[in-house]
Amino acid sequence: MTVGATDARFFRRLGSTSYGFGLFSTAMTMEDYGTMFHGDDERVDTESLRLSTEMWEALGHDLLEG
């Protein structure tokens, strides 16, 4: 688990529900992950993006179908 901040606090103040979690590729170390954000070369690991997208899609499907 890693701790971070998002712009979600602004959305929550406006009444929107906001969640802040995602899945990260096991192919990356925490050191690799730490070098990817808050810099001149900020980027997203595509495997982590795929995993998080699948998780959110499955969650949405479960909530809407359940």
PDB file of N, CA and C in Angstrom:
ATOM      1  N   MET A   1       0.853  -1.164   0.000  1.00  0.00           N
ATOM      2  CA  MET A   1       0.000   0.000   0.000  1.00  0.00           C
ATOM      3  C   MET A   1       0.902   1.231   0.000  1.00  0.00           C
ATOM      4  N   THR A   2       0.464   2.211  -0.731  1.00  0.00           N
ATOM      5  CA  THR A   2       1.172   3.488  -0.743  1.00  0.00           C
ATOM      6  C   THR A   2       0.166   4.601  -0.497  1.00  0.00           C
ATOM      7  N   VAL A   3       0.616   5.653   0.097  1.00  0.00           N
ATOM      8  CA  VAL A   3      -0.251   6.779   0.421  1.00  0.00           C
ATOM      9  C   VAL A   3       0.014   7.904  -0.565  1.00  0.00           C
ATOM     10  N   GLY A   4      -1.027   8.560  -1.001  1.00  0.00           N
ATOM     11  CA  GLY A   4      -0.875   9.681  -1.923  1.00  0.00           C
ATOM     12  C   GLY A   4      -2.085  10.590  -1.815  1.00  0.00           C
ATOM     13  N   ALA A   5      -2.106  11.592  -2.631  1.00  0.00           N
ATOM     14  CA  ALA A   5      -3.215  12.540  -2.640  1.00  0.00           C
ATOM     15  C   ALA A   5      -3.693  12.718  -4.079  1.00  0.00           C
ATOM     16  N   THR A   6      -4.981  13.015  -4.210  1.00  0.00           N
ATOM     17  CA  THR A   6      -5.560  13.273  -5.526  1.00  0.00           C
ATOM     18  C   THR A   6      -6.398  14.540  -5.444  1.00  0.00           C
ATOM     19  N   ASP A   7      -6.986  14.893  -6.549  1.00  0.00           N
ATOM     20  CA  ASP A   7      -7.912  16.035  -6.573  1.00  0.00           C
ATOM     21  C   ASP A   7      -9.295  15.642  -6.065  1.00  0.00           C
ATOM     22  N   ALA A   8      -9.463  14.401  -5.624  1.00  0.00           N
ATOM     23  CA  ALA A   8     -10.769  13.912  -5.182  1.00  0.00           C
ATOM     24  C   ALA A   8     -11.352  14.758  -4.056  1.00  0.00           C
ATOM     25  N   ARG A   9     -10.524  15.352  -3.235  1.00  0.00           N
ATOM     26  CA  ARG A   9     -11.049  16.160  -2.120  1.00  0.00           C
ATOM     27  C   ARG A   9     -11.906  17.318  -2.634  1.00  0.00           C
ATOM     28  N   PHE A  10     -11.561  17.846  -3.791  1.00  0.00           N
ATOM     29  CA  PHE A  10     -12.356  18.938  -4.367  1.00  0.00           C
ATOM     30  C   PHE A  10     -13.710  18.423  -4.848  1.00  0.00           C
ATOM     31  N   PHE A  11     -13.718  17.227  -5.441  1.00  0.00           N
ATOM     32  CA  PHE A  11     -14.974  16.631  -5.906  1.00  0.00           C
ATOM     33  C   PHE A  11     -15.867  16.272  -4.727  1.00  0.00           C
ATOM     34  N   ARG A  12     -15.267  15.765  -3.648  1.00  0.00           N
ATOM     35  CA  ARG A  12     -16.059  15.412  -2.461  1.00  0.00           C
ATOM     36  C   ARG A  12     -16.737  16.644  -1.875  1.00  0.00           C
ATOM     37  N   ARG A  13     -16.032  17.760  -1.856  1.00  0.00           N
ATOM     38  CA  ARG A  13     -16.620  19.006  -1.325  1.00  0.00           C
ATOM     39  C   ARG A  13     -17.831  19.442  -2.133  1.00  0.00           C
ATOM     40  N   LEU A  14     -17.868  19.045  -3.403  1.00  0.00           N
ATOM     41  CA  LEU A  14     -18.998  19.386  -4.271  1.00  0.00           C
ATOM     42  C   LEU A  14     -20.097  18.335  -4.213  1.00  0.00           C
ATOM     43  N   GLY A  15     -19.911  17.319  -3.354  1.00  0.00           N
ATOM     44  CA  GLY A  15     -20.946  16.314  -3.174  1.00  0.00           C
ATOM     45  C   GLY A  15     -20.763  15.041  -3.973  1.00  0.00           C
ATOM     46  N   SER A  16     -19.674  14.917  -4.719  1.00  0.00           N
ATOM     47  CA  SER A  16     -19.438  13.706  -5.501  1.00  0.00           C
ATOM     48  C   SER A  16     -18.717  12.666  -4.658  1.00  0.00           C
ATOM     49  N   THR A  17     -19.063  11.430  -4.867  1.00  0.00           N
ATOM     50  CA  THR A  17     -18.343  10.345  -4.217  1.00  0.00           C
ATOM     51  C   THR A  17     -17.057  10.100  -4.984  1.00  0.00           C
ATOM     52  N   SER A  18     -15.969  10.000  -4.272  1.00  0.00           N
ATOM     53  CA  SER A  18     -14.666   9.783  -4.906  1.00  0.00           C
ATOM     54  C   SER A  18     -13.898   8.712  -4.153  1.00  0.00           C
ATOM     55  N   TYR A  19     -13.333   7.811  -4.907  1.00  0.00           N
ATOM     56  CA  TYR A  19     -12.520   6.746  -4.327  1.00  0.00           C
ATOM     57  C   TYR A  19     -11.109   6.880  -4.861  1.00  0.00           C
ATOM     58  N   GLY A  20     -10.149   6.550  -4.047  1.00  0.00           N
ATOM     59  CA  GLY A  20      -8.762   6.685  -4.475  1.00  0.00           C
ATOM     60  C   GLY A  20      -7.966   5.426  -4.246  1.00  0.00           C
ATOM     61  N   PHE A  21      -8.131   4.451  -5.130  1.00  0.00           N
ATOM     62  CA  PHE A  21      -7.261   3.290  -5.069  1.00  0.00           C
ATOM     63  C   PHE A  21      -7.143   2.677  -6.450  1.00  0.00           C
ATOM     64  N   GLY A  22      -6.097   1.915  -6.624  1.00  0.00           N
ATOM     65  CA  GLY A  22      -5.865   1.250  -7.892  1.00  0.00           C
ATOM     66  C   GLY A  22      -4.963   0.056  -7.670  1.00  0.00           C
ATOM     67  N   LEU A  23      -4.752  -0.697  -8.708  1.00  0.00           N
ATOM     68  CA  LEU A  23      -3.893  -1.874  -8.652  1.00  0.00           C
ATOM     69  C   LEU A  23      -2.595  -1.574  -9.384  1.00  0.00           C
ATOM     70  N   PHE A  24      -1.530  -2.144  -8.892  1.00  0.00           N
ATOM     71  CA  PHE A  24      -0.225  -1.902  -9.495  1.00  0.00           C
ATOM     72  C   PHE A  24       0.388  -3.216  -9.953  1.00  0.00           C
ATOM     73  N   SER A  25       1.060  -3.160 -11.058  1.00  0.00           N
ATOM     74  CA  SER A  25       1.715  -4.323 -11.644  1.00  0.00           C
ATOM     75  C   SER A  25       2.736  -4.909 -10.681  1.00  0.00           C
ATOM     76  N   THR A  26       2.729  -6.226 -10.558  1.00  0.00           N
ATOM     77  CA  THR A  26       3.728  -6.881  -9.715  1.00  0.00           C
ATOM     78  C   THR A  26       5.100  -6.912 -10.391  1.00  0.00           C
ATOM     79  N   ALA A  27       5.146  -6.527 -11.660  1.00  0.00           N
ATOM     80  CA  ALA A  27       6.427  -6.464 -12.367  1.00  0.00           C
ATOM     81  C   ALA A  27       7.249  -5.244 -11.947  1.00  0.00           C
ATOM     82  N   MET A  28       6.601  -4.292 -11.267  1.00  0.00           N
ATOM     83  CA  MET A  28       7.282  -3.068 -10.821  1.00  0.00           C
ATOM     84  C   MET A  28       7.629  -3.170  -9.348  1.00  0.00           C
ATOM     85  N   THR A  29       8.799  -2.660  -9.004  1.00  0.00           N
ATOM     86  CA  THR A  29       9.132  -2.530  -7.593  1.00  0.00           C
ATOM     87  C   THR A  29       8.585  -1.197  -7.095  1.00  0.00           C
ATOM     88  N   MET A  30       8.521  -1.040  -5.800  1.00  0.00           N
ATOM     89  CA  MET A  30       8.082   0.246  -5.244  1.00  0.00           C
ATOM     90  C   MET A  30       9.052   1.350  -5.630  1.00  0.00           C
ATOM     91  N   GLU A  31      10.318   1.018  -5.768  1.00  0.00           N
ATOM     92  CA  GLU A  31      11.303   2.015  -6.206  1.00  0.00           C
ATOM     93  C   GLU A  31      11.019   2.469  -7.636  1.00  0.00           C
ATOM     94  N   ASP A  32      10.684   1.499  -8.508  1.00  0.00           N
ATOM     95  CA  ASP A  32      10.316   1.844  -9.890  1.00  0.00           C
ATOM     96  C   ASP A  32       9.088   2.751  -9.896  1.00  0.00           C
ATOM     97  N   TYR A  33       8.095   2.352  -9.119  1.00  0.00           N
ATOM     98  CA  TYR A  33       6.870   3.139  -9.040  1.00  0.00           C
ATOM     99  C   TYR A  33       7.160   4.555  -8.551  1.00  0.00           C
ATOM    100  N   GLY A  34       7.995   4.674  -7.541  1.00  0.00           N
ATOM    101  CA  GLY A  34       8.304   5.975  -6.957  1.00  0.00           C
ATOM    102  C   GLY A  34       8.985   6.939  -7.908  1.00  0.00           C
ATOM    103  N   THR A  35       9.666   6.419  -8.916  1.00  0.00           N
ATOM    104  CA  THR A  35      10.352   7.295  -9.869  1.00  0.00           C
ATOM    105  C   THR A  35       9.444   7.787 -10.987  1.00  0.00           C
ATOM    106  N   MET A  36       8.202   7.294 -11.018  1.00  0.00           N
ATOM    107  CA  MET A  36       7.328   7.582 -12.158  1.00  0.00           C
ATOM    108  C   MET A  36       6.411   8.786 -11.984  1.00  0.00           C
ATOM    109  N   PHE A  37       6.391   9.393 -10.817  1.00  0.00           N
ATOM    110  CA  PHE A  37       5.440  10.487 -10.630  1.00  0.00           C
ATOM    111  C   PHE A  37       6.096  11.700  -9.984  1.00  0.00           C
ATOM    112  N   HIS A  38       5.420  12.830 -10.107  1.00  0.00           N
ATOM    113  CA  HIS A  38       5.841  14.112  -9.538  1.00  0.00           C
ATOM    114  C   HIS A  38       7.212  14.553 -10.026  1.00  0.00           C
ATOM    115  N   GLY A  39       7.381  14.534 -11.318  1.00  0.00           N
ATOM    116  CA  GLY A  39       8.633  14.997 -11.884  1.00  0.00           C
ATOM    117  C   GLY A  39       8.433  15.460 -13.307  1.00  0.00           C
ATOM    118  N   ASP A  40       9.534  15.795 -13.953  1.00  0.00           N
ATOM    119  CA  ASP A  40       9.480  16.256 -15.340  1.00  0.00           C
ATOM    120  C   ASP A  40       9.046  15.148 -16.290  1.00  0.00           C
ATOM    121  N   ASP A  41       9.224  13.899 -15.868  1.00  0.00           N
ATOM    122  CA  ASP A  41       8.912  12.756 -16.722  1.00  0.00           C
ATOM    123  C   ASP A  41       7.816  11.897 -16.081  1.00  0.00           C
ATOM    124  N   GLU A  42       6.755  12.546 -15.557  1.00  0.00           N
ATOM    125  CA  GLU A  42       5.683  11.813 -14.901  1.00  0.00           C
ATOM    126  C   GLU A  42       4.956  10.935 -15.909  1.00  0.00           C
ATOM    127  N   ARG A  43       4.678   9.690 -15.510  1.00  0.00           N
ATOM    128  CA  ARG A  43       4.053   8.754 -16.440  1.00  0.00           C
ATOM    129  C   ARG A  43       3.290   7.682 -15.671  1.00  0.00           C
ATOM    130  N   VAL A  44       2.564   6.855 -16.423  1.00  0.00           N
ATOM    131  CA  VAL A  44       1.748   5.790 -15.851  1.00  0.00           C
ATOM    132  C   VAL A  44       2.214   4.469 -16.441  1.00  0.00           C
ATOM    133  N   ASP A  45       2.364   3.478 -15.584  1.00  0.00           N
ATOM    134  CA  ASP A  45       2.692   2.129 -16.027  1.00  0.00           C
ATOM    135  C   ASP A  45       1.460   1.543 -16.706  1.00  0.00           C
ATOM    136  N   THR A  46       1.575   1.094 -17.945  1.00  0.00           N
ATOM    137  CA  THR A  46       0.400   0.642 -18.701  1.00  0.00           C
ATOM    138  C   THR A  46      -0.201  -0.634 -18.123  1.00  0.00           C
ATOM    139  N   GLU A  47       0.601  -1.529 -17.560  1.00  0.00           N
ATOM    140  CA  GLU A  47       0.042  -2.738 -16.947  1.00  0.00           C
ATOM    141  C   GLU A  47      -0.768  -2.367 -15.710  1.00  0.00           C
ATOM    142  N   SER A  48      -0.283  -1.442 -14.913  1.00  0.00           N
ATOM    143  CA  SER A  48      -1.030  -0.984 -13.742  1.00  0.00           C
ATOM    144  C   SER A  48      -2.321  -0.301 -14.169  1.00  0.00           C
ATOM    145  N   LEU A  49      -2.272   0.465 -15.240  1.00  0.00           N
ATOM    146  CA  LEU A  49      -3.479   1.114 -15.757  1.00  0.00           C
ATOM    147  C   LEU A  49      -4.494   0.075 -16.220  1.00  0.00           C
ATOM    148  N   ARG A  50      -4.022  -0.969 -16.904  1.00  0.00           N
ATOM    149  CA  ARG A  50      -4.908  -2.039 -17.354  1.00  0.00           C
ATOM    150  C   ARG A  50      -5.553  -2.743 -16.158  1.00  0.00           C
ATOM    151  N   LEU A  51      -4.754  -3.084 -15.152  1.00  0.00           N
ATOM    152  CA  LEU A  51      -5.278  -3.765 -13.964  1.00  0.00           C
ATOM    153  C   LEU A  51      -6.316  -2.910 -13.249  1.00  0.00           C
ATOM    154  N   SER A  52      -6.020  -1.628 -13.086  1.00  0.00           N
ATOM    155  CA  SER A  52      -6.955  -0.737 -12.397  1.00  0.00           C
ATOM    156  C   SER A  52      -8.240  -0.558 -13.199  1.00  0.00           C
ATOM    157  N   THR A  53      -8.112  -0.449 -14.515  1.00  0.00           N
ATOM    158  CA  THR A  53      -9.290  -0.306 -15.372  1.00  0.00           C
ATOM    159  C   THR A  53     -10.183  -1.537 -15.274  1.00  0.00           C
ATOM    160  N   GLU A  54      -9.576  -2.718 -15.309  1.00  0.00           N
ATOM    161  CA  GLU A  54     -10.362  -3.957 -15.183  1.00  0.00           C
ATOM    162  C   GLU A  54     -11.047  -4.034 -13.822  1.00  0.00           C
ATOM    163  N   MET A  55     -10.344  -3.613 -12.765  1.00  0.00           N
ATOM    164  CA  MET A  55     -10.930  -3.636 -11.432  1.00  0.00           C
ATOM    165  C   MET A  55     -12.135  -2.709 -11.358  1.00  0.00           C
ATOM    166  N   TRP A  56     -12.004  -1.476 -11.866  1.00  0.00           N
ATOM    167  CA  TRP A  56     -13.105  -0.509 -11.815  1.00  0.00           C
ATOM    168  C   TRP A  56     -14.276  -0.965 -12.687  1.00  0.00           C
ATOM    169  N   GLU A  57     -13.993  -1.559 -13.848  1.00  0.00           N
ATOM    170  CA  GLU A  57     -15.066  -2.072 -14.692  1.00  0.00           C
ATOM    171  C   GLU A  57     -15.823  -3.197 -13.986  1.00  0.00           C
ATOM    172  N   ALA A  58     -15.090  -4.107 -13.341  1.00  0.00           N
ATOM    173  CA  ALA A  58     -15.724  -5.211 -12.627  1.00  0.00           C
ATOM    174  C   ALA A  58     -16.538  -4.696 -11.450  1.00  0.00           C
ATOM    175  N   LEU A  59     -16.022  -3.719 -10.748  1.00  0.00           N
ATOM    176  CA  LEU A  59     -16.761  -3.136  -9.626  1.00  0.00           C
ATOM    177  C   LEU A  59     -18.059  -2.479 -10.101  1.00  0.00           C
ATOM    178  N   GLY A  60     -17.961  -1.689 -11.170  1.00  0.00           N
ATOM    179  CA  GLY A  60     -19.150  -1.045 -11.725  1.00  0.00           C
ATOM    180  C   GLY A  60     -20.179  -2.072 -12.178  1.00  0.00           C
ATOM    181  N   HIS A  61     -19.713  -3.112 -12.831  1.00  0.00           N
ATOM    182  CA  HIS A  61     -20.609  -4.175 -13.283  1.00  0.00           C
ATOM    183  C   HIS A  61     -21.279  -4.841 -12.088  1.00  0.00           C
ATOM    184  N   ASP A  62     -20.521  -5.168 -11.054  1.00  0.00           N
ATOM    185  CA  ASP A  62     -21.084  -5.807  -9.866  1.00  0.00           C
ATOM    186  C   ASP A  62     -22.122  -4.913  -9.188  1.00  0.00           C
ATOM    187  N   LEU A  63     -21.851  -3.625  -9.113  1.00  0.00           N
ATOM    188  CA  LEU A  63     -22.791  -2.709  -8.465  1.00  0.00           C
ATOM    189  C   LEU A  63     -24.076  -2.527  -9.269  1.00  0.00           C
ATOM    190  N   LEU A  64     -23.932  -2.464 -10.591  1.00  0.00           N
ATOM    191  CA  LEU A  64     -25.105  -2.242 -11.432  1.00  0.00           C
ATOM    192  C   LEU A  64     -25.933  -3.511 -11.640  1.00  0.00           C
ATOM    193  N   GLU A  65     -25.282  -4.648 -11.634  1.00  0.00           N
ATOM    194  CA  GLU A  65     -25.982  -5.911 -11.844  1.00  0.00           C
ATOM    195  C   GLU A  65     -26.495  -6.497 -10.525  1.00  0.00           C
ATOM    196  N   GLY A  66     -25.821  -6.144  -9.418  1.00  0.00           N
ATOM    197  CA  GLY A  66     -26.152  -6.754  -8.121  1.00  0.00           C
ATOM    198  C   GLY A  66     -27.335  -6.162  -7.528  1.00  0.00           C
TER     199      GLY A  66
END
